[in-house]
Protein backbone atom coordinates (compact mmCIF):
# COMPACT_ATOMS: atom_id res chain seq x y z
CA MET A 1 0.00 0.00 0.00
CA ILE A 2 1.34 3.41 -1.02
CA LEU A 3 0.49 6.70 0.69
CA LEU A 4 0.11 9.31 -2.05
CA ILE A 5 0.22 12.90 -0.81
CA GLY A 6 -1.11 15.60 -3.12
CA GLY A 7 -3.36 13.13 -4.88
CA GLU A 8 -5.70 15.69 -6.45
CA GLY A 9 -3.04 17.77 -8.20
CA SER A 10 -1.97 17.11 -11.79
CA MET A 11 1.03 15.02 -10.71
CA GLY A 12 -0.99 13.25 -8.04
CA LYS A 13 -3.55 12.19 -10.62
CA ARG A 14 -0.73 10.92 -12.84
CA TYR A 15 0.58 8.78 -10.00
CA GLN A 16 -2.89 7.48 -9.20
CA THR A 17 -3.23 6.36 -12.81
CA ILE A 18 0.23 4.76 -12.82
CA LEU A 19 -0.36 2.88 -9.56
CA ARG A 20 -3.71 1.56 -10.83
CA HIS A 21 -2.07 0.59 -14.13
CA ILE A 22 0.62 -1.51 -12.43
CA GLY A 23 -1.77 -2.95 -9.84
CA ILE A 24 -0.48 -1.22 -6.70
CA ASN A 25 -2.91 -0.30 -3.93
CA TYR A 26 -2.75 3.24 -2.60
CA ARG A 27 -4.54 5.82 -0.50
CA ALA A 28 -4.50 9.40 -1.76
CA PHE A 29 -4.40 12.34 0.64
CA ASP A 30 -4.92 15.96 -0.37
CA THR A 31 -5.53 18.96 1.87
CA LYS A 32 -8.00 20.30 -0.71
CA THR A 33 -10.39 17.39 -0.22
CA SER A 34 -9.59 15.69 3.10
CA VAL A 35 -11.37 16.66 6.30
CA GLU A 36 -8.74 14.74 8.30
CA SER A 37 -5.22 15.72 9.19
CA LEU A 38 -2.52 13.73 7.43
CA GLU A 39 -1.70 11.94 10.70
CA ASP A 40 -5.31 10.89 11.18
CA PHE A 41 -5.47 9.85 7.52
CA TYR A 42 -2.60 7.35 7.71
CA LYS A 43 -3.19 6.20 11.30
CA GLY A 44 -4.00 2.50 11.47
CA THR A 45 -2.90 1.73 7.89
CA VAL A 46 0.32 -0.12 7.10
CA PHE A 47 2.08 1.56 4.17
CA ASP A 48 5.07 0.30 2.18
CA GLY A 49 6.12 3.70 0.85
CA ILE A 50 5.12 7.31 0.27
CA ILE A 51 4.86 9.32 -2.94
CA LEU A 52 5.02 13.06 -2.30
CA ALA A 53 3.32 14.88 -5.20
CA SER A 54 2.20 18.02 -3.39
CA PRO A 55 3.39 21.55 -4.35
CA THR A 56 7.13 22.13 -3.95
CA ASP A 57 6.79 24.59 -1.08
CA THR A 58 5.14 21.86 1.04
CA HIS A 59 7.82 19.18 0.50
CA PHE A 60 10.17 20.21 3.28
CA ASN A 61 7.55 20.17 6.05
CA TYR A 62 6.10 16.90 4.82
CA LEU A 63 9.53 15.27 4.79
CA LEU A 64 10.17 16.39 8.35
CA SER A 65 6.76 15.22 9.56
CA LEU A 66 6.94 11.83 7.79
CA ALA A 67 10.47 10.89 8.81
CA HIS A 68 9.36 8.99 11.91
CA LEU A 69 7.40 6.52 9.76
CA ASN A 70 10.70 5.06 8.49
CA LEU A 71 9.30 4.49 4.99
CA PRO A 72 10.80 4.96 1.51
CA ILE A 73 9.74 8.34 0.11
CA MET A 74 9.61 9.32 -3.56
CA CYS A 75 9.38 13.11 -3.87
CA GLU A 76 8.47 15.06 -6.99
CA LYS A 77 11.09 17.47 -8.25
CA PRO A 78 12.32 19.86 -7.13
CA ILE A 79 12.57 18.62 -3.57
CA SER A 80 13.11 22.22 -2.45
CA LYS A 81 14.27 25.49 -3.99
CA SER A 82 15.86 26.58 -0.71
CA LYS A 83 19.56 25.91 -0.07
CA SER A 84 19.06 25.84 3.70
CA GLU A 85 16.19 23.35 3.41
CA LEU A 86 18.24 21.12 1.10
CA ASP A 87 21.11 21.15 3.59
CA MET A 88 18.73 20.06 6.36
CA ILE A 89 17.26 17.34 4.14
CA ARG A 90 20.78 16.12 3.33
CA ASP A 91 21.62 15.95 7.03
CA LEU A 92 18.38 14.15 7.82
CA PHE A 93 18.83 11.48 5.18
CA LYS A 94 22.52 11.03 5.92
CA HIS A 95 21.42 9.81 9.35
CA SER A 96 19.41 7.07 7.67
CA LYS A 97 22.65 5.65 6.26
CA ASN A 98 24.14 5.58 9.77
CA GLY A 99 21.38 3.32 10.97
CA GLU A 100 19.53 5.94 12.98
CA GLN A 101 16.59 5.83 10.57
CA SER A 102 15.69 3.24 7.96
CA PHE A 103 13.80 5.28 5.39
CA ASN A 104 15.16 6.42 2.03
CA LEU A 105 14.57 9.43 -0.19
CA THR A 106 14.21 9.27 -3.97
CA MET A 107 13.48 12.19 -6.28
CA THR A 108 11.33 11.53 -9.32
CA MET A 109 13.77 11.37 -12.25
CA GLN A 110 12.01 9.63 -15.10
CA TYR A 111 14.58 11.08 -17.51
CA LYS A 112 17.08 8.60 -16.05
CA VAL A 113 15.05 5.83 -17.67
CA LEU A 114 15.52 7.49 -21.05
CA ASP A 115 19.16 8.49 -20.69
CA ASP A 116 21.54 6.35 -22.72
CA PRO A 117 24.97 6.57 -21.01
CA ASN A 118 26.58 6.00 -24.41
CA SER A 119 24.63 8.82 -26.05
CA VAL A 120 26.74 11.89 -26.85
CA GLY A 121 25.49 15.35 -27.72
CA ASP A 122 23.87 18.50 -26.42
CA SER A 123 20.63 18.67 -24.46
CA HIS A 124 17.69 20.90 -25.32
CA TYR A 125 14.18 21.67 -24.06
CA ASN A 126 11.57 24.04 -25.45
CA TYR A 127 7.86 24.18 -24.65
CA PHE A 128 5.51 27.10 -24.06
CA ARG A 129 4.01 25.75 -20.84
CA THR A 130 5.95 25.86 -17.60
CA GLY A 131 5.00 24.77 -14.10
CA ASN A 132 4.67 26.89 -10.98
CA ASP A 133 8.36 26.45 -10.13
CA GLY A 134 9.65 28.05 -13.32
CA LEU A 135 11.46 26.87 -16.43
CA ARG A 136 14.86 26.00 -14.91
CA TRP A 137 13.27 23.95 -12.14
CA ASP A 138 11.02 22.25 -14.71
CA CYS A 139 14.23 21.29 -16.50
CA LEU A 140 16.09 20.19 -13.36
CA GLN A 141 16.51 16.64 -14.66
CA ILE A 142 17.83 17.72 -18.05
CA ILE A 143 20.28 20.15 -16.46
CA ALA A 144 21.37 17.50 -13.93
CA LEU A 145 21.86 14.69 -16.46
CA ALA A 146 23.33 16.71 -19.34
CA ARG A 147 26.86 15.74 -20.33
CA GLY A 148 27.22 18.60 -22.83
CA ASN A 149 25.72 22.01 -23.54
CA VAL A 150 22.15 22.72 -22.43
CA SER A 151 19.65 25.12 -23.99
CA ILE A 152 16.14 25.64 -22.60
CA GLY A 153 13.25 27.84 -23.65
CA ASN A 154 9.47 28.23 -23.50
CA THR A 155 8.62 29.47 -26.98
CA SER A 156 7.66 26.28 -28.83
CA PRO A 157 4.00 25.19 -29.16
CA ILE A 158 5.26 21.62 -29.63
CA TRP A 159 7.06 19.76 -26.82
CA ASP A 160 10.67 19.57 -28.01
CA CYS A 161 13.29 17.72 -25.96
CA ILE A 162 16.75 16.26 -26.57
CA LEU A 163 18.78 14.57 -23.84
CA ASN A 164 22.49 14.10 -24.54
CA GLY A 165 21.85 14.05 -28.27
CA LYS A 166 18.84 11.70 -28.07
CA ARG A 167 15.48 13.16 -29.15
CA LEU A 168 12.59 12.27 -26.84
CA SER A 169 8.82 12.25 -27.31
CA ILE A 170 5.86 12.70 -24.98
CA ALA A 171 5.13 8.98 -25.37
CA ASP A 172 8.70 8.25 -24.25
CA MET A 173 8.11 10.41 -21.18
CA ASP A 174 4.80 8.74 -20.29
CA ARG A 175 6.42 5.29 -20.46
CA ALA A 176 9.39 6.52 -18.45
CA TYR A 177 7.16 7.63 -15.57
CA VAL A 178 5.67 4.14 -15.35
CA GLU A 179 9.07 2.46 -15.48
CA PHE A 180 10.52 4.85 -12.90
CA VAL A 181 7.73 4.11 -10.41
CA LYS A 182 8.18 0.37 -10.98
CA GLY A 183 11.90 0.73 -10.36
CA TRP A 184 11.35 2.74 -7.18
CA LEU A 185 8.97 0.12 -5.80
CA LYS A 186 11.64 -2.55 -6.30
CA SER A 187 14.63 -0.51 -5.13
CA PRO A 188 13.86 2.75 -3.27
CA GLY A 189 16.53 5.20 -2.24
CA ASP A 190 19.00 7.58 -3.88
CA ASP A 191 22.35 9.14 -3.09
CA VAL A 192 21.17 12.21 -1.17
CA GLU A 193 24.45 14.03 -1.89
CA LYS A 194 23.78 13.61 -5.60
CA LEU A 195 20.21 14.89 -5.23
CA VAL A 196 21.45 18.05 -3.50
CA GLU A 197 24.12 18.44 -6.19
CA TYR A 198 21.41 18.36 -8.89
CA HIS A 199 19.51 21.18 -7.17
CA GLU A 200 22.65 23.24 -6.64
CA LYS A 201 23.43 22.93 -10.36
CA VAL A 202 20.09 24.56 -11.17
CA MET A 203 20.60 27.25 -8.51
CA SER A 204 24.04 28.12 -9.84
CA GLY A 205 22.75 28.70 -13.36
CA HIS A 206 24.96 25.99 -14.90
């Protein structure tokens, strides 16, 4: 059973559809629709993991409040746009590797599924629609995974994306989300230092 937080947002609905598609039971919590607190919502239910798909500015507080559950957490990107919050998250999840806590943090990175380590070339993204976090944060994964030059824009009416010289499609992306969730369910947990490094790369403008 998966606890899905932010279930009524666009990403939450995507995850609901993916979990149904792969036959995984879940309970979806959203402050917009629930009359219960999150603690009351999950009390008495045994969960195997948590997917955090709420708005970015809620991630930090949710991570702090959920830590005691000792469950694998998959968090939508970006985890946080605050350097101080990222440092605290890094410290928190470092403790898990020292045996003080047993939960793991993973950031959604479906682009990893599509990245061919042997592919060489520049990376590019252009689409007119951006999310609430802004274009660079929308492109966090591309910026993080790029092994060459990166160009991003929001002027194209057609979704246009190249990762390390490999052109991607929306269908590729939809399949990658499904495969990423499957992979997380089998093997949760990321290198938290690497996750912070990805965010710092976006913050630095590189």
